[in-house]
Amino acid sequence: MSLILFSIIWFKNHELPLVKHKIYRHILFWFTYSIQGTLLEYAWIHDLFPPEQETYVLTLAILFNFLLVSVKMSFSYYVMEFPVNDLLVQKKAIFSVVVQILLALIIAIFFYRLANVFVISPLLKPEKIVGMADVFNPSGLFIALLDIGYICGIAVALKLFRLQASKLKTEKFLIKDKLETELKFLKNQINPHFLFNTLNNIYGLARKKSDQAPEVVLKLSKLLRFMLYESHRASITIAEEIKILEDYLELEKIRYDDRLKVSFEKEIDDNTQMITPLILLPFIENAFKHGLNETTGDNHMEISIILKNGMLIFKTQNTQDYNGENIVNEKIGLSNIRRQLELMYREFSLTLDNLPKVFNVSLKINLNSHGTL
């Protein structure tokens, strides 16, 4: 049994091409089992012969094992390829499958006993007279049942285990593929959302015939270049993410002139720390679209980014006209970002506070806690 377990572990750690892997796996399994069977046969019969016939005894052990393994192998493969396959794939009735197995088992036991009675026994005890009645000896039939059932049970169990492992692997791949598709969809929703907001800004400047319109278009082109060629990367540095935030704020400052006061505090211990692209921008974008844009008079926005040992603390606060409700309605941008956070990071917390005159965002992420993908 230990040799069989060794063969299973060896193949688990040595990947081969699919077809070759299957063939070699089966060869190694039966070869390992044959070694074990030969050693057991040798242990059982070596006391029946004098020490000087050691080579002859070993030859007999190999022969006996070969005869018996042939029967056990035939039965095992029949059960795996027909009854088990009928039950798992074709969903046949259990009764029909059990009948198939019992009939095959009776035939296997019969041939097993024939080999024992008419080949093995005469070689071990030539003086003993044997006949068909010995084939149906109860104790011999019981031993045959145990021997055949033992190895067939192991073979079927391994097949079922392999099928289950393959199913789990396929399911894991499909889930991963689904989540990656969902993440791409969320990102593609955010990019047009950002573009729509910025184009509205340019439209407003153009209507005023502002000299700042060309500068805004140039800054927008830089942001779009990043979104087209960089945002689909799995991660970027925190320094790159902050640069995107600064560029976006510059666009908004142009539109608001002196009516907008922005405070942007940064405390970063590692500028090369990796982060999911554009995971922070929608919070600032949301502050302008649903807060500052709807506020009369002066506007202010406070942004704070602290990064220490991979732990990111991101906070924003922006003025708003209080509507008397503390309910936070998450628009497309915020709901998408929350879902992205769920997919990309295992450890994060997001708090949104709709307070009188201000709207607060508090986000904490362990940037080293990679999530589902």
Protein backbone atom coordinates (compact mmCIF):
# COMPACT_ATOMS: atom_id res chain seq x y z
CA MET A 1 0.00 0.00 0.00
CA SER A 2 2.84 2.38 0.81
CA LEU A 3 4.35 1.77 -2.63
CA ILE A 4 1.04 2.66 -4.28
CA LEU A 5 0.82 5.88 -2.26
CA PHE A 6 4.38 6.70 -3.31
CA SER A 7 3.44 6.34 -6.99
CA ILE A 8 0.43 8.63 -6.53
CA ILE A 9 2.53 11.31 -4.83
CA TRP A 10 5.26 11.02 -7.48
CA PHE A 11 2.82 11.72 -10.30
CA LYS A 12 1.24 14.54 -8.35
CA ASN A 13 4.62 16.29 -8.27
CA HIS A 14 5.82 15.42 -11.80
CA GLU A 15 3.56 16.91 -14.44
CA LEU A 16 3.65 15.35 -17.92
CA PRO A 17 1.67 15.97 -21.12
CA LEU A 18 -1.93 14.81 -20.65
CA VAL A 19 -1.96 11.59 -22.74
CA LYS A 20 1.53 10.48 -21.73
CA HIS A 21 0.77 11.36 -18.13
CA LYS A 22 -2.27 9.07 -18.14
CA ILE A 23 -0.40 6.14 -19.74
CA TYR A 24 2.64 6.47 -17.49
CA ARG A 25 0.45 6.90 -14.44
CA HIS A 26 -1.33 3.62 -15.13
CA ILE A 27 1.92 1.79 -15.90
CA LEU A 28 3.55 3.04 -12.71
CA PHE A 29 0.49 2.17 -10.62
CA TRP A 30 0.34 -1.46 -11.78
CA PHE A 31 4.10 -1.85 -11.77
CA THR A 32 4.22 -0.63 -8.18
CA TYR A 33 1.35 -2.90 -7.19
CA SER A 34 3.06 -5.84 -8.94
CA ILE A 35 6.22 -5.29 -6.93
CA GLN A 36 4.16 -5.35 -3.77
CA GLY A 37 2.26 -8.44 -4.93
CA THR A 38 5.44 -10.27 -5.90
CA LEU A 39 7.01 -9.59 -2.51
CA LEU A 40 3.89 -10.89 -0.75
CA GLU A 41 3.80 -14.02 -2.93
CA TYR A 42 7.48 -14.61 -2.21
CA ALA A 43 6.89 -14.22 1.53
CA TRP A 44 4.07 -16.76 1.40
CA ILE A 45 5.83 -19.50 -0.59
CA HIS A 46 9.55 -19.26 0.19
CA ASP A 47 9.23 -21.59 3.23
CA LEU A 48 7.96 -24.35 0.94
CA PHE A 49 11.31 -24.66 -0.86
CA PRO A 50 14.92 -25.17 0.28
CA PRO A 51 17.22 -22.12 0.47
CA GLU A 52 19.23 -23.16 -2.61
CA GLN A 53 16.11 -22.67 -4.77
CA GLU A 54 15.85 -18.96 -3.97
CA THR A 55 15.92 -17.91 -7.65
CA TYR A 56 13.25 -20.47 -8.53
CA VAL A 57 11.02 -19.22 -5.71
CA LEU A 58 11.37 -15.63 -6.91
CA THR A 59 10.48 -16.72 -10.45
CA LEU A 60 7.37 -18.47 -9.16
CA ALA A 61 6.38 -15.38 -7.17
CA ILE A 62 6.65 -13.23 -10.29
CA LEU A 63 4.62 -15.75 -12.32
CA PHE A 64 1.90 -16.09 -9.69
CA ASN A 65 1.62 -12.35 -9.32
CA PHE A 66 1.42 -11.89 -13.11
CA LEU A 67 -1.43 -14.38 -13.40
CA LEU A 68 -3.45 -12.87 -10.56
CA VAL A 69 -2.75 -9.23 -11.49
CA SER A 70 -4.00 -9.93 -15.02
CA VAL A 71 -7.39 -10.94 -13.61
CA LYS A 72 -7.52 -8.03 -11.14
CA MET A 73 -6.45 -5.52 -13.80
CA SER A 74 -9.09 -6.73 -16.27
CA PHE A 75 -11.86 -6.48 -13.67
CA SER A 76 -10.68 -3.06 -12.43
CA TYR A 77 -10.61 -1.53 -15.90
CA TYR A 78 -13.99 -3.01 -16.75
CA VAL A 79 -15.54 -1.48 -13.64
CA MET A 80 -13.90 1.92 -14.24
CA GLU A 81 -14.72 2.15 -17.95
CA PHE A 82 -18.26 0.74 -17.97
CA PRO A 83 -20.29 0.59 -14.72
CA VAL A 84 -18.66 3.64 -13.11
CA ASN A 85 -18.78 5.57 -16.38
CA ASP A 86 -22.44 4.58 -16.88
CA LEU A 87 -23.27 5.81 -13.40
CA LEU A 88 -21.38 9.12 -13.59
CA VAL A 89 -21.78 10.12 -17.24
CA GLN A 90 -24.82 8.34 -18.62
CA LYS A 91 -26.69 8.47 -15.30
CA LYS A 92 -27.87 4.87 -15.54
CA ALA A 93 -29.90 3.30 -12.73
CA ILE A 94 -27.86 2.13 -9.75
CA PHE A 95 -29.48 -1.32 -9.88
CA SER A 96 -28.28 -1.85 -13.45
CA VAL A 97 -24.76 -0.77 -12.51
CA VAL A 98 -24.66 -3.05 -9.46
CA VAL A 99 -25.78 -6.02 -11.58
CA GLN A 100 -22.99 -5.33 -14.10
CA ILE A 101 -20.39 -5.19 -11.34
CA LEU A 102 -21.62 -8.39 -9.66
CA LEU A 103 -21.60 -10.37 -12.92
CA ALA A 104 -18.09 -9.11 -13.76
CA LEU A 105 -16.94 -9.91 -10.21
CA ILE A 106 -18.24 -13.48 -10.45
CA ILE A 107 -16.35 -13.99 -13.72
CA ALA A 108 -13.18 -12.42 -12.27
CA ILE A 109 -13.32 -14.61 -9.16
CA PHE A 110 -13.84 -17.70 -11.35
CA PHE A 111 -10.71 -17.00 -13.43
CA TYR A 112 -8.78 -16.06 -10.28
CA ARG A 113 -9.62 -19.46 -8.76
CA LEU A 114 -8.78 -21.29 -12.02
CA ALA A 115 -5.29 -19.75 -11.94
CA ASN A 116 -4.89 -20.70 -8.29
CA VAL A 117 -6.14 -24.26 -8.61
CA PHE A 118 -4.72 -25.36 -11.96
CA VAL A 119 -1.48 -23.31 -12.19
CA ILE A 120 -0.29 -22.08 -8.81
CA SER A 121 -1.27 -25.05 -6.66
CA PRO A 122 0.36 -27.72 -8.92
CA LEU A 123 3.62 -25.74 -8.99
CA LEU A 124 3.65 -25.46 -5.21
CA LYS A 125 2.40 -28.96 -4.41
CA PRO A 126 2.81 -31.28 -7.43
CA GLU A 127 1.69 -34.30 -5.42
CA LYS A 128 -1.72 -32.77 -4.69
CA ILE A 129 -4.58 -33.79 -7.01
CA VAL A 130 -6.92 -30.93 -7.87
CA GLY A 131 -10.23 -30.72 -9.69
CA MET A 132 -13.06 -28.29 -10.52
CA ALA A 133 -14.51 -28.75 -7.05
CA ASP A 134 -11.46 -26.96 -5.63
CA VAL A 135 -12.29 -23.90 -7.72
CA PHE A 136 -15.44 -23.35 -5.64
CA ASN A 137 -13.78 -23.85 -2.27
CA PRO A 138 -15.52 -21.28 0.06
CA SER A 139 -12.34 -20.03 1.74
CA GLY A 140 -10.61 -19.70 -1.62
CA LEU A 141 -13.57 -17.77 -3.07
CA PHE A 142 -13.56 -15.43 -0.07
CA ILE A 143 -9.80 -14.75 -0.42
CA ALA A 144 -10.29 -14.08 -4.14
CA LEU A 145 -13.12 -11.66 -3.38
CA LEU A 146 -10.97 -9.72 -0.90
CA ASP A 147 -7.93 -9.65 -3.17
CA ILE A 148 -9.83 -8.50 -6.27
CA GLY A 149 -12.05 -6.07 -4.35
CA TYR A 150 -9.07 -4.50 -2.57
CA ILE A 151 -7.16 -3.38 -5.67
CA CYS A 152 -10.31 -2.58 -7.67
CA GLY A 153 -11.51 -0.39 -4.80
CA ILE A 154 -8.23 1.52 -4.80
CA ALA A 155 -8.32 1.94 -8.60
CA VAL A 156 -11.93 3.18 -8.61
CA ALA A 157 -11.28 5.51 -5.67
CA LEU A 158 -8.32 7.04 -7.50
CA LYS A 159 -10.41 7.50 -10.64
CA LEU A 160 -13.20 9.20 -8.68
CA PHE A 161 -10.66 11.38 -6.88
CA ARG A 162 -9.07 12.38 -10.18
CA LEU A 163 -12.48 13.17 -11.72
CA GLN A 164 -13.42 15.28 -8.71
CA ALA A 165 -10.08 17.10 -8.77
CA SER A 166 -10.50 17.76 -12.49
CA LYS A 167 -14.02 19.05 -11.92
CA LEU A 168 -12.88 21.38 -9.14
CA LYS A 169 -10.02 22.63 -11.31
CA THR A 170 -12.41 23.34 -14.18
CA GLU A 171 -14.85 25.10 -11.86
CA LYS A 172 -12.03 27.18 -10.40
CA PHE A 173 -10.90 28.16 -13.91
CA LEU A 174 -14.46 29.10 -14.94
CA ILE A 175 -14.98 31.15 -11.78
CA LYS A 176 -11.65 32.94 -12.28
CA ASP A 177 -12.51 33.61 -15.93
CA LYS A 178 -15.94 34.94 -14.94
CA LEU A 179 -14.47 37.24 -12.30
CA GLU A 180 -11.82 38.55 -14.71
CA THR A 181 -14.55 39.27 -17.27
CA GLU A 182 -16.60 41.02 -14.60
CA LEU A 183 -13.60 43.12 -13.56
CA LYS A 184 -12.92 44.16 -17.17
CA PHE A 185 -16.58 45.09 -17.54
CA LEU A 186 -16.45 47.23 -14.39
CA LYS A 187 -13.31 49.02 -15.59
CA ASN A 188 -14.86 49.65 -18.99
CA GLN A 189 -17.84 51.19 -17.28
CA ILE A 190 -15.67 53.52 -15.24
CA ASN A 191 -13.60 54.82 -18.14
CA PRO A 192 -16.58 56.12 -20.20
CA HIS A 193 -18.02 57.51 -16.97
CA PHE A 194 -14.84 59.50 -16.37
CA LEU A 195 -14.70 60.61 -20.01
CA PHE A 196 -18.32 61.77 -19.94
CA ASN A 197 -17.69 63.95 -16.89
CA THR A 198 -14.54 65.52 -18.33
CA LEU A 199 -16.13 66.20 -21.72
CA ASN A 200 -18.90 68.02 -19.88
CA ASN A 201 -16.20 70.18 -18.31
CA ILE A 202 -14.68 70.96 -21.71
CA TYR A 203 -18.13 71.70 -23.12
CA GLY A 204 -18.73 74.24 -20.35
CA LEU A 205 -15.40 75.96 -21.03
CA ALA A 206 -16.02 75.98 -24.76
CA ARG A 207 -19.39 77.66 -24.31
CA LYS A 208 -17.68 80.34 -22.24
CA LYS A 209 -15.01 80.58 -24.99
CA SER A 210 -12.44 80.10 -22.26
CA ASP A 211 -8.76 80.25 -23.22
CA GLN A 212 -8.27 77.30 -20.85
CA ALA A 213 -10.17 74.87 -23.12
CA PRO A 214 -7.06 73.82 -25.14
CA GLU A 215 -5.11 73.19 -21.92
CA VAL A 216 -7.95 71.05 -20.59
CA VAL A 217 -8.04 69.05 -23.85
CA LEU A 218 -4.29 68.45 -23.59
CA LYS A 219 -4.55 67.23 -20.00
CA LEU A 220 -7.49 65.07 -20.91
CA SER A 221 -5.50 63.47 -23.75
CA LYS A 222 -2.78 62.49 -21.25
CA LEU A 223 -5.35 60.88 -18.96
CA LEU A 224 -6.98 59.05 -21.85
CA ARG A 225 -3.59 57.78 -23.00
CA PHE A 226 -3.10 56.29 -19.56
CA MET A 227 -6.55 54.72 -19.59
CA LEU A 228 -6.08 53.22 -23.03
CA TYR A 229 -2.59 51.81 -22.57
CA GLU A 230 -1.96 51.50 -18.83
CA SER A 231 -5.20 51.07 -16.89
CA HIS A 232 -5.72 47.45 -18.01
CA ARG A 233 -2.51 46.37 -16.30
CA ALA A 234 -3.07 44.23 -13.24
CA SER A 235 -1.37 46.84 -11.07
CA ILE A 236 0.57 50.10 -11.13
CA THR A 237 2.71 51.87 -8.55
CA ILE A 238 1.09 54.11 -5.97
CA ALA A 239 3.12 56.97 -7.44
CA GLU A 240 1.42 56.47 -10.83
CA GLU A 241 -2.01 56.33 -9.22
CA ILE A 242 -1.35 59.58 -7.34
CA LYS A 243 -0.18 61.26 -10.57
CA ILE A 244 -3.53 60.39 -12.18
CA LEU A 245 -5.36 61.93 -9.22
CA GLU A 246 -3.28 65.10 -9.46
CA ASP A 247 -3.90 65.41 -13.20
CA TYR A 248 -7.63 65.01 -12.71
CA LEU A 249 -7.65 67.63 -9.96
CA GLU A 250 -5.81 70.02 -12.27
CA LEU A 251 -8.58 69.58 -14.82
CA GLU A 252 -11.23 70.40 -12.25
CA LYS A 253 -9.32 73.40 -10.86
CA ILE A 254 -9.29 74.97 -14.32
CA ARG A 255 -13.06 74.74 -14.52
CA TYR A 256 -13.75 75.99 -11.00
CA ASP A 257 -11.19 78.84 -10.96
CA ASP A 258 -11.01 80.40 -7.51
CA ARG A 259 -14.23 78.75 -6.29
CA LEU A 260 -12.42 75.49 -5.55
CA LYS A 261 -9.90 74.96 -2.78
CA VAL A 262 -8.15 71.59 -2.75
CA SER A 263 -5.97 70.16 0.00
CA PHE A 264 -4.02 67.04 -1.01
CA GLU A 265 -1.86 65.47 1.70
CA LYS A 266 0.38 62.51 0.97
CA GLU A 267 2.40 60.37 3.36
CA ILE A 268 3.92 57.50 1.40
CA ASP A 269 6.60 55.18 2.75
CA ASP A 270 7.06 53.27 -0.54
CA ASN A 271 6.35 54.88 -3.91
CA THR A 272 6.81 51.51 -5.66
CA GLN A 273 3.97 49.81 -3.75
CA MET A 274 1.62 48.25 -6.32
CA ILE A 275 -2.09 49.08 -6.45
CA THR A 276 -5.00 48.32 -8.78
CA PRO A 277 -5.20 51.07 -11.47
CA LEU A 278 -7.87 53.76 -11.06
CA ILE A 279 -9.16 52.36 -7.78
CA LEU A 280 -9.06 55.78 -6.09
CA LEU A 281 -10.03 58.16 -8.89
CA PRO A 282 -13.80 57.39 -8.89
CA PHE A 283 -14.09 58.64 -5.30
CA ILE A 284 -12.72 62.05 -6.32
CA GLU A 285 -14.76 62.00 -9.51
CA ASN A 286 -17.89 61.25 -7.48
CA ALA A 287 -17.13 64.17 -5.16
CA PHE A 288 -17.25 66.56 -8.08
CA LYS A 289 -20.25 65.09 -9.87
CA HIS A 290 -22.58 64.60 -6.91
CA GLY A 291 -21.18 67.09 -4.42
CA LEU A 292 -19.16 70.04 -5.62
CA ASN A 293 -21.04 70.46 -8.91
CA GLU A 294 -24.30 70.81 -7.01
CA THR A 295 -22.95 73.18 -4.37
CA THR A 296 -23.42 76.93 -4.57
CA GLY A 297 -20.70 79.28 -3.41
CA ASP A 298 -17.16 78.28 -2.48
CA ASN A 299 -16.16 74.65 -2.58
CA HIS A 300 -13.41 72.82 -0.83
CA MET A 301 -12.07 69.31 -1.00
CA GLU A 302 -9.64 67.58 1.31
CA ILE A 303 -7.78 64.48 0.21
CA SER A 304 -5.45 62.40 2.34
CA ILE A 305 -3.39 59.37 1.31
CA ILE A 306 -1.30 57.50 3.87
CA LEU A 307 0.64 54.39 2.96
CA LYS A 308 2.60 52.49 5.58
CA ASN A 309 3.82 48.89 5.33
CA GLY A 310 1.38 48.10 2.53
CA MET A 311 -1.63 49.49 4.42
CA LEU A 312 -3.34 52.30 2.50
CA ILE A 313 -5.62 54.83 4.18
CA PHE A 314 -7.43 57.06 1.69
CA LYS A 315 -9.83 59.79 2.83
CA THR A 316 -11.75 62.50 1.03
CA GLN A 317 -14.08 65.22 2.24
CA ASN A 318 -15.99 67.57 -0.01
CA THR A 319 -18.61 70.25 0.51
CA GLN A 320 -22.20 69.63 -0.51
CA ASP A 321 -25.63 71.15 -0.08
CA TYR A 322 -27.24 69.10 2.67
CA ASN A 323 -30.56 67.58 1.58
CA GLY A 324 -31.63 66.44 5.03
CA GLU A 325 -30.96 62.74 4.37
CA ASN A 326 -28.08 60.63 5.61
CA ILE A 327 -28.74 57.86 3.06
CA VAL A 328 -25.87 57.26 0.65
CA ASN A 329 -27.02 56.33 -2.85
CA GLU A 330 -24.12 54.60 -4.55
CA LYS A 331 -24.05 55.58 -8.21
CA ILE A 332 -22.35 53.60 -10.99
CA GLY A 333 -18.87 54.78 -10.07
CA LEU A 334 -19.04 53.98 -6.35
CA SER A 335 -20.87 50.65 -6.72
CA ASN A 336 -18.38 49.53 -9.37
CA ILE A 337 -15.40 50.45 -7.24
CA ARG A 338 -16.83 48.59 -4.25
CA ARG A 339 -17.17 45.48 -6.44
CA GLN A 340 -13.62 45.93 -7.76
CA LEU A 341 -12.35 46.12 -4.20
CA GLU A 342 -14.14 42.86 -3.38
CA LEU A 343 -12.49 41.17 -6.37
CA MET A 344 -8.98 42.56 -5.92
CA TYR A 345 -8.44 42.68 -2.15
CA ARG A 346 -9.36 40.39 0.73
CA GLU A 347 -8.78 43.03 3.41
CA PHE A 348 -10.45 46.40 2.94
CA SER A 349 -13.10 48.63 4.51
CA LEU A 350 -15.08 51.41 2.85
CA THR A 351 -17.13 53.95 4.78
CA LEU A 352 -19.28 56.62 3.16
CA ASP A 353 -20.76 59.37 5.40
CA ASN A 354 -23.41 61.76 4.10
CA LEU A 355 -23.17 64.52 6.71
CA PRO A 356 -24.52 68.07 6.86
CA LYS A 357 -22.54 70.22 4.41
CA VAL A 358 -19.87 67.55 3.75
CA PHE A 359 -19.53 64.10 2.26
CA ASN A 360 -16.80 61.85 3.65
CA VAL A 361 -15.11 58.80 2.18
CA SER A 362 -12.81 56.59 4.24
CA LEU A 363 -11.09 53.68 2.55
CA LYS A 364 -8.59 51.29 4.11
CA ILE A 365 -6.88 48.60 2.01
CA ASN A 366 -4.19 46.09 2.74
CA LEU A 367 -2.55 46.30 -0.68
CA ASN A 368 -0.75 43.02 -0.06
CA SER A 369 -3.97 41.08 0.54
CA HIS A 370 -4.62 39.92 -3.00
CA GLY A 371 -8.22 38.91 -3.50
CA THR A 372 -10.26 36.46 -5.56
CA LEU A 373 -8.43 36.89 -8.87
